[in-house]
Amino acid sequence: MTIDKKDMINSILESVSKVDYIKPEDLPNIDLYMDQVTTFMEAQLASSKRYPDDKILTKTMINNYAKNNLLPSPEKKRYSKEHLLLLIFIYYFKNILSISDIQTLLGPITEKYFKSTGEKDLTYIYNEVFSMEKSQIDLLIKDLLRRYHAAEATFSDADEEDQDFLKRFSFICLLSFDVYMKKRLIEQLIDGMRPEEPPKKHKKEKAPRPPKEK
């Protein structure tokens, strides 16, 4: 099957340029019950699904996040705006990080800014981070084009019928290597956030008891 390369890269760039996030002003100003939370997240993040049947968030997921101390317990079974902000962070992190890493990353944020009465609250954190990421889209598009053209220059001596597949394979490998290296860097940064464990004391070996005389 012939692959229309121009359509493929245009489709990729279009999807990247349309990446959006839930704006704080879109968050409800009232506390929500569990069903309302899942419905809200489903509607707001539907465009990020890979397949139509994928679930953005389920009751089981939310309960597991609470059990793993990623999410504070709801008050009278209702979730606040701060709960929703944390769930959005978790949604993005869980695709690349372990539960333990997310705990380390979000723990200090939750402890200091969840239900904060000052100006610097979770909304402040959310606004600052996501406005920064939004500004990176142009840089990401340029980087994607650079990697795409690099991949197109590979396998020029391969059989003609295999070139399209092999060039796409090269493009995927370049993107995967980038994700792999950035994931390792993220994990290294998170490891640096963990408190150092005190050195374990080595137990002194007991001298063997002499055999009892019969």
C-alpha atoms as a PDB file:
ATOM      1  CA  MET A   1       0.000   0.000   0.000  1.00  0.00           C
ATOM      2  CA  THR A   2       1.395   3.393  -0.996  1.00  0.00           C
ATOM      3  CA  ILE A   3       1.665   5.805   1.917  1.00  0.00           C
ATOM      4  CA  ASP A   4       0.949   9.451   1.222  1.00  0.00           C
ATOM      5  CA  LYS A   5       3.837  10.912   3.224  1.00  0.00           C
ATOM      6  CA  LYS A   6       2.639  14.483   2.889  1.00  0.00           C
ATOM      7  CA  ASP A   7      -0.765  13.587   4.315  1.00  0.00           C
ATOM      8  CA  MET A   8       0.858  11.597   7.118  1.00  0.00           C
ATOM      9  CA  ILE A   9       3.166  14.352   8.378  1.00  0.00           C
ATOM     10  CA  ASN A  10       0.451  16.998   7.932  1.00  0.00           C
ATOM     11  CA  SER A  11      -1.895  14.860  10.014  1.00  0.00           C
ATOM     12  CA  ILE A  12       0.749  14.492  12.735  1.00  0.00           C
ATOM     13  CA  LEU A  13       1.511  18.207  12.815  1.00  0.00           C
ATOM     14  CA  GLU A  14      -2.176  19.090  12.869  1.00  0.00           C
ATOM     15  CA  SER A  15      -2.835  16.814  15.840  1.00  0.00           C
ATOM     16  CA  VAL A  16       0.121  18.309  17.712  1.00  0.00           C
ATOM     17  CA  SER A  17      -0.953  21.886  17.009  1.00  0.00           C
ATOM     18  CA  LYS A  18      -4.436  21.102  18.344  1.00  0.00           C
ATOM     19  CA  VAL A  19      -3.178  19.783  21.660  1.00  0.00           C
ATOM     20  CA  ASP A  20      -5.142  21.570  24.336  1.00  0.00           C
ATOM     21  CA  TYR A  21      -5.598  21.357  28.076  1.00  0.00           C
ATOM     22  CA  ILE A  22      -8.383  21.960  30.540  1.00  0.00           C
ATOM     23  CA  LYS A  23      -8.318  25.630  31.434  1.00  0.00           C
ATOM     24  CA  PRO A  24      -8.906  26.519  35.092  1.00  0.00           C
ATOM     25  CA  GLU A  25     -11.875  28.674  34.110  1.00  0.00           C
ATOM     26  CA  ASP A  26     -13.479  25.563  32.577  1.00  0.00           C
ATOM     27  CA  LEU A  27     -13.426  23.785  35.916  1.00  0.00           C
ATOM     28  CA  PRO A  28     -16.743  23.802  37.791  1.00  0.00           C
ATOM     29  CA  ASN A  29     -16.927  26.076  40.825  1.00  0.00           C
ATOM     30  CA  ILE A  30     -18.907  23.543  42.791  1.00  0.00           C
ATOM     31  CA  ASP A  31     -17.831  20.261  44.319  1.00  0.00           C
ATOM     32  CA  LEU A  32     -18.709  17.172  42.289  1.00  0.00           C
ATOM     33  CA  TYR A  33     -19.758  13.629  43.085  1.00  0.00           C
ATOM     34  CA  MET A  34     -17.808  10.737  41.602  1.00  0.00           C
ATOM     35  CA  ASP A  35     -20.084  10.276  38.557  1.00  0.00           C
ATOM     36  CA  GLN A  36     -19.901  13.981  37.801  1.00  0.00           C
ATOM     37  CA  VAL A  37     -16.097  13.893  37.991  1.00  0.00           C
ATOM     38  CA  THR A  38     -15.783  11.036  35.491  1.00  0.00           C
ATOM     39  CA  THR A  39     -18.322  12.666  33.157  1.00  0.00           C
ATOM     40  CA  PHE A  40     -16.473  15.991  33.277  1.00  0.00           C
ATOM     41  CA  MET A  41     -13.061  14.443  32.618  1.00  0.00           C
ATOM     42  CA  GLU A  42     -14.467  12.303  29.823  1.00  0.00           C
ATOM     43  CA  ALA A  43     -15.941  15.325  28.063  1.00  0.00           C
ATOM     44  CA  GLN A  44     -12.911  17.576  28.531  1.00  0.00           C
ATOM     45  CA  LEU A  45     -10.219  15.076  27.508  1.00  0.00           C
ATOM     46  CA  ALA A  46     -12.087  13.092  24.853  1.00  0.00           C
ATOM     47  CA  SER A  47      -9.777  14.363  22.097  1.00  0.00           C
ATOM     48  CA  SER A  48      -6.793  12.709  23.780  1.00  0.00           C
ATOM     49  CA  LYS A  49      -8.238   9.212  23.342  1.00  0.00           C
ATOM     50  CA  ARG A  50      -6.523   6.841  20.972  1.00  0.00           C
ATOM     51  CA  TYR A  51      -9.650   4.721  20.494  1.00  0.00           C
ATOM     52  CA  PRO A  52     -13.295   5.750  20.999  1.00  0.00           C
ATOM     53  CA  ASP A  53     -13.832   3.031  23.631  1.00  0.00           C
ATOM     54  CA  ASP A  54     -10.914   4.182  25.798  1.00  0.00           C
ATOM     55  CA  LYS A  55     -11.800   5.487  29.244  1.00  0.00           C
ATOM     56  CA  ILE A  56     -10.281   8.723  30.485  1.00  0.00           C
ATOM     57  CA  LEU A  57     -11.130   8.073  34.119  1.00  0.00           C
ATOM     58  CA  THR A  58     -13.179   5.500  35.999  1.00  0.00           C
ATOM     59  CA  LYS A  59     -14.426   5.134  39.559  1.00  0.00           C
ATOM     60  CA  THR A  60     -11.924   2.323  40.105  1.00  0.00           C
ATOM     61  CA  MET A  61      -9.041   4.534  38.979  1.00  0.00           C
ATOM     62  CA  ILE A  62     -10.070   7.352  41.326  1.00  0.00           C
ATOM     63  CA  ASN A  63     -10.404   4.946  44.265  1.00  0.00           C
ATOM     64  CA  ASN A  64      -6.977   3.478  43.497  1.00  0.00           C
ATOM     65  CA  TYR A  65      -5.409   6.931  43.370  1.00  0.00           C
ATOM     66  CA  ALA A  66      -6.850   7.677  46.805  1.00  0.00           C
ATOM     67  CA  LYS A  67      -5.613   4.327  48.187  1.00  0.00           C
ATOM     68  CA  ASN A  68      -2.120   5.053  46.857  1.00  0.00           C
ATOM     69  CA  ASN A  69      -2.096   8.536  48.436  1.00  0.00           C
ATOM     70  CA  LEU A  70      -2.081  10.287  45.070  1.00  0.00           C
ATOM     71  CA  LEU A  71      -5.376  11.975  45.766  1.00  0.00           C
ATOM     72  CA  PRO A  72      -6.771  13.309  49.069  1.00  0.00           C
ATOM     73  CA  SER A  73     -10.052  11.765  50.137  1.00  0.00           C
ATOM     74  CA  PRO A  74     -13.226  13.579  49.054  1.00  0.00           C
ATOM     75  CA  GLU A  75     -15.226  15.560  51.601  1.00  0.00           C
ATOM     76  CA  LYS A  76     -18.692  14.078  52.081  1.00  0.00           C
ATOM     77  CA  LYS A  77     -18.169  12.083  48.854  1.00  0.00           C
ATOM     78  CA  ARG A  78     -17.620  15.259  46.849  1.00  0.00           C
ATOM     79  CA  TYR A  79     -14.514  16.298  44.924  1.00  0.00           C
ATOM     80  CA  SER A  80     -13.314  19.894  44.817  1.00  0.00           C
ATOM     81  CA  LYS A  81     -11.638  21.902  42.072  1.00  0.00           C
ATOM     82  CA  GLU A  82      -8.288  20.990  43.649  1.00  0.00           C
ATOM     83  CA  HIS A  83      -9.135  17.298  43.312  1.00  0.00           C
ATOM     84  CA  LEU A  84      -9.817  17.819  39.615  1.00  0.00           C
ATOM     85  CA  LEU A  85      -6.512  19.605  39.083  1.00  0.00           C
ATOM     86  CA  LEU A  86      -4.630  16.737  40.712  1.00  0.00           C
ATOM     87  CA  LEU A  87      -6.543  14.220  38.592  1.00  0.00           C
ATOM     88  CA  ILE A  88      -5.499  16.081  35.445  1.00  0.00           C
ATOM     89  CA  PHE A  89      -1.844  15.932  36.485  1.00  0.00           C
ATOM     90  CA  ILE A  90      -2.201  12.224  37.287  1.00  0.00           C
ATOM     91  CA  TYR A  91      -3.851  11.577  33.923  1.00  0.00           C
ATOM     92  CA  TYR A  92      -0.820  12.898  32.055  1.00  0.00           C
ATOM     93  CA  PHE A  93       1.824  11.437  34.372  1.00  0.00           C
ATOM     94  CA  LYS A  94       0.402   7.903  34.517  1.00  0.00           C
ATOM     95  CA  ASN A  95       1.233   7.277  30.864  1.00  0.00           C
ATOM     96  CA  ILE A  96       4.960   7.512  31.520  1.00  0.00           C
ATOM     97  CA  LEU A  97       5.571   7.275  35.275  1.00  0.00           C
ATOM     98  CA  SER A  98       5.044   4.653  37.948  1.00  0.00           C
ATOM     99  CA  ILE A  99       2.659   5.191  40.848  1.00  0.00           C
ATOM    100  CA  SER A 100       5.675   5.531  43.153  1.00  0.00           C
ATOM    101  CA  ASP A 101       7.188   8.264  40.971  1.00  0.00           C
ATOM    102  CA  ILE A 102       3.894  10.164  40.811  1.00  0.00           C
ATOM    103  CA  GLN A 103       3.642   9.955  44.607  1.00  0.00           C
ATOM    104  CA  THR A 104       7.111  11.468  44.962  1.00  0.00           C
ATOM    105  CA  LEU A 105       6.347  14.191  42.439  1.00  0.00           C
ATOM    106  CA  LEU A 106       2.876  15.216  43.592  1.00  0.00           C
ATOM    107  CA  GLY A 107       3.317  14.616  47.319  1.00  0.00           C
ATOM    108  CA  PRO A 108       5.011  17.945  48.124  1.00  0.00           C
ATOM    109  CA  ILE A 109       2.625  19.808  45.794  1.00  0.00           C
ATOM    110  CA  THR A 110      -0.429  18.327  47.503  1.00  0.00           C
ATOM    111  CA  GLU A 111       0.957  18.876  50.989  1.00  0.00           C
ATOM    112  CA  LYS A 112       1.698  22.572  50.461  1.00  0.00           C
ATOM    113  CA  TYR A 113      -0.872  23.756  47.924  1.00  0.00           C
ATOM    114  CA  PHE A 114      -3.971  21.554  48.304  1.00  0.00           C
ATOM    115  CA  LYS A 115      -6.689  23.653  49.971  1.00  0.00           C
ATOM    116  CA  SER A 116      -4.215  26.508  50.348  1.00  0.00           C
ATOM    117  CA  THR A 117      -5.811  29.720  51.625  1.00  0.00           C
ATOM    118  CA  GLY A 118      -3.144  31.940  50.036  1.00  0.00           C
ATOM    119  CA  GLU A 119      -2.875  33.226  46.471  1.00  0.00           C
ATOM    120  CA  LYS A 120      -0.430  30.482  45.556  1.00  0.00           C
ATOM    121  CA  ASP A 121      -2.672  27.438  45.413  1.00  0.00           C
ATOM    122  CA  LEU A 122      -3.083  24.477  43.057  1.00  0.00           C
ATOM    123  CA  THR A 123      -4.666  26.717  40.423  1.00  0.00           C
ATOM    124  CA  TYR A 124      -1.531  28.845  40.521  1.00  0.00           C
ATOM    125  CA  ILE A 125       0.654  25.738  40.002  1.00  0.00           C
ATOM    126  CA  TYR A 126      -1.580  24.445  37.217  1.00  0.00           C
ATOM    127  CA  ASN A 127      -1.670  27.766  35.347  1.00  0.00           C
ATOM    128  CA  GLU A 128       2.075  28.222  35.538  1.00  0.00           C
ATOM    129  CA  VAL A 129       2.915  24.724  34.278  1.00  0.00           C
ATOM    130  CA  PHE A 130       0.380  24.392  31.495  1.00  0.00           C
ATOM    131  CA  SER A 131       0.893  27.886  30.103  1.00  0.00           C
ATOM    132  CA  MET A 132       4.575  26.987  29.791  1.00  0.00           C
ATOM    133  CA  GLU A 133       3.842  23.725  28.007  1.00  0.00           C
ATOM    134  CA  LYS A 134       1.480  25.440  25.600  1.00  0.00           C
ATOM    135  CA  SER A 135       4.304  27.715  24.466  1.00  0.00           C
ATOM    136  CA  GLN A 136       6.405  24.685  23.546  1.00  0.00           C
ATOM    137  CA  ILE A 137       4.164  23.545  20.684  1.00  0.00           C
ATOM    138  CA  ASP A 138       6.046  25.492  17.990  1.00  0.00           C
ATOM    139  CA  LEU A 139       9.351  24.057  19.183  1.00  0.00           C
ATOM    140  CA  LEU A 140       7.858  20.563  19.201  1.00  0.00           C
ATOM    141  CA  ILE A 141       6.610  20.938  15.613  1.00  0.00           C
ATOM    142  CA  LYS A 142      10.054  22.055  14.439  1.00  0.00           C
ATOM    143  CA  ASP A 143      11.664  19.106  16.226  1.00  0.00           C
ATOM    144  CA  LEU A 144       9.177  16.655  14.687  1.00  0.00           C
ATOM    145  CA  LEU A 145       9.908  17.996  11.200  1.00  0.00           C
ATOM    146  CA  ARG A 146      13.651  17.687  11.792  1.00  0.00           C
ATOM    147  CA  ARG A 147      13.326  14.068  12.886  1.00  0.00           C
ATOM    148  CA  TYR A 148      10.943  13.296  10.034  1.00  0.00           C
ATOM    149  CA  HIS A 149      13.389  14.596   7.423  1.00  0.00           C
ATOM    150  CA  ALA A 150      16.223  12.693   9.106  1.00  0.00           C
ATOM    151  CA  ALA A 151      14.178   9.486   8.874  1.00  0.00           C
ATOM    152  CA  GLU A 152      13.328  10.179   5.224  1.00  0.00           C
ATOM    153  CA  ALA A 153      17.057  10.205   4.444  1.00  0.00           C
ATOM    154  CA  THR A 154      17.493   6.617   5.674  1.00  0.00           C
ATOM    155  CA  PHE A 155      17.216   3.337   3.722  1.00  0.00           C
ATOM    156  CA  SER A 156      17.798   4.976   0.345  1.00  0.00           C
ATOM    157  CA  ASP A 157      19.395   1.738  -0.833  1.00  0.00           C
ATOM    158  CA  ALA A 158      16.582  -0.544   0.378  1.00  0.00           C
ATOM    159  CA  ASP A 159      14.229  -2.311  -2.010  1.00  0.00           C
ATOM    160  CA  GLU A 160      11.746   0.204  -3.369  1.00  0.00           C
ATOM    161  CA  GLU A 161       8.715  -1.685  -2.118  1.00  0.00           C
ATOM    162  CA  ASP A 162      10.158  -1.643   1.446  1.00  0.00           C
ATOM    163  CA  GLN A 163      11.329   1.958   1.642  1.00  0.00           C
ATOM    164  CA  ASP A 164       8.092   3.540   2.845  1.00  0.00           C
ATOM    165  CA  PHE A 165       7.757   1.080   5.724  1.00  0.00           C
ATOM    166  CA  LEU A 166      11.441   1.283   6.693  1.00  0.00           C
ATOM    167  CA  LYS A 167      11.479   5.083   6.652  1.00  0.00           C
ATOM    168  CA  ARG A 168       8.411   5.154   8.881  1.00  0.00           C
ATOM    169  CA  PHE A 169      10.154   2.609  11.123  1.00  0.00           C
ATOM    170  CA  SER A 170      13.146   4.979  11.349  1.00  0.00           C
ATOM    171  CA  PHE A 171      10.863   7.882  12.274  1.00  0.00           C
ATOM    172  CA  ILE A 172       9.226   5.832  15.027  1.00  0.00           C
ATOM    173  CA  CYS A 173      12.649   4.745  16.316  1.00  0.00           C
ATOM    174  CA  LEU A 174      13.851   8.361  16.487  1.00  0.00           C
ATOM    175  CA  LEU A 175      10.729   9.421  18.406  1.00  0.00           C
ATOM    176  CA  SER A 176      10.948   6.383  20.691  1.00  0.00           C
ATOM    177  CA  PHE A 177      14.592   7.035  21.528  1.00  0.00           C
ATOM    178  CA  ASP A 178      13.706  10.623  22.416  1.00  0.00           C
ATOM    179  CA  VAL A 179      10.876   9.441  24.699  1.00  0.00           C
ATOM    180  CA  TYR A 180      13.146   6.789  26.266  1.00  0.00           C
ATOM    181  CA  MET A 181      15.920   9.272  27.080  1.00  0.00           C
ATOM    182  CA  LYS A 182      13.515  11.888  28.447  1.00  0.00           C
ATOM    183  CA  LYS A 183      11.780   9.260  30.577  1.00  0.00           C
ATOM    184  CA  ARG A 184      15.132   8.248  32.071  1.00  0.00           C
ATOM    185  CA  LEU A 185      15.945  11.879  32.771  1.00  0.00           C
ATOM    186  CA  ILE A 186      12.554  12.409  34.451  1.00  0.00           C
ATOM    187  CA  GLU A 187      13.093   9.320  36.621  1.00  0.00           C
ATOM    188  CA  GLN A 188      16.564  10.564  37.589  1.00  0.00           C
ATOM    189  CA  LEU A 189      15.147  13.962  38.588  1.00  0.00           C
ATOM    190  CA  ILE A 190      12.411  12.301  40.643  1.00  0.00           C
ATOM    191  CA  ASP A 191      14.937  10.025  42.359  1.00  0.00           C
ATOM    192  CA  GLY A 192      16.778  13.184  43.409  1.00  0.00           C
ATOM    193  CA  MET A 193      13.587  14.410  45.112  1.00  0.00           C
ATOM    194  CA  ARG A 194      13.347  11.376  47.371  1.00  0.00           C
ATOM    195  CA  PRO A 195      14.791  11.693  50.878  1.00  0.00           C
ATOM    196  CA  GLU A 196      17.943   9.706  51.344  1.00  0.00           C
ATOM    197  CA  GLU A 197      17.435   6.532  53.301  1.00  0.00           C
ATOM    198  CA  PRO A 198      19.638   6.226  56.383  1.00  0.00           C
ATOM    199  CA  PRO A 199      22.314   3.578  55.979  1.00  0.00           C
ATOM    200  CA  LYS A 200      21.209   0.226  57.281  1.00  0.00           C
ATOM    201  CA  LYS A 201      22.966  -1.029  60.351  1.00  0.00           C
ATOM    202  CA  HIS A 202      24.703  -4.297  59.820  1.00  0.00           C
ATOM    203  CA  LYS A 203      23.906  -6.830  62.465  1.00  0.00           C
ATOM    204  CA  LYS A 204      26.939  -8.234  64.209  1.00  0.00           C
ATOM    205  CA  GLU A 205      27.404 -11.856  63.523  1.00  0.00           C
ATOM    206  CA  LYS A 206      27.035 -13.921  66.625  1.00  0.00           C
ATOM    207  CA  ALA A 207      29.891 -16.206  67.435  1.00  0.00           C
ATOM    208  CA  PRO A 208      28.909 -19.833  67.034  1.00  0.00           C
ATOM    209  CA  ARG A 209      28.056 -21.540  70.269  1.00  0.00           C
ATOM    210  CA  PRO A 210      30.321 -24.380  71.293  1.00  0.00           C
ATOM    211  CA  PRO A 211      28.674 -27.772  71.010  1.00  0.00           C
ATOM    212  CA  LYS A 212      27.114 -29.074  74.209  1.00  0.00           C
ATOM    213  CA  GLU A 213      28.960 -31.844  75.914  1.00  0.00           C
ATOM    214  CA  LYS A 214      27.062 -35.069  75.983  1.00  0.00           C
END
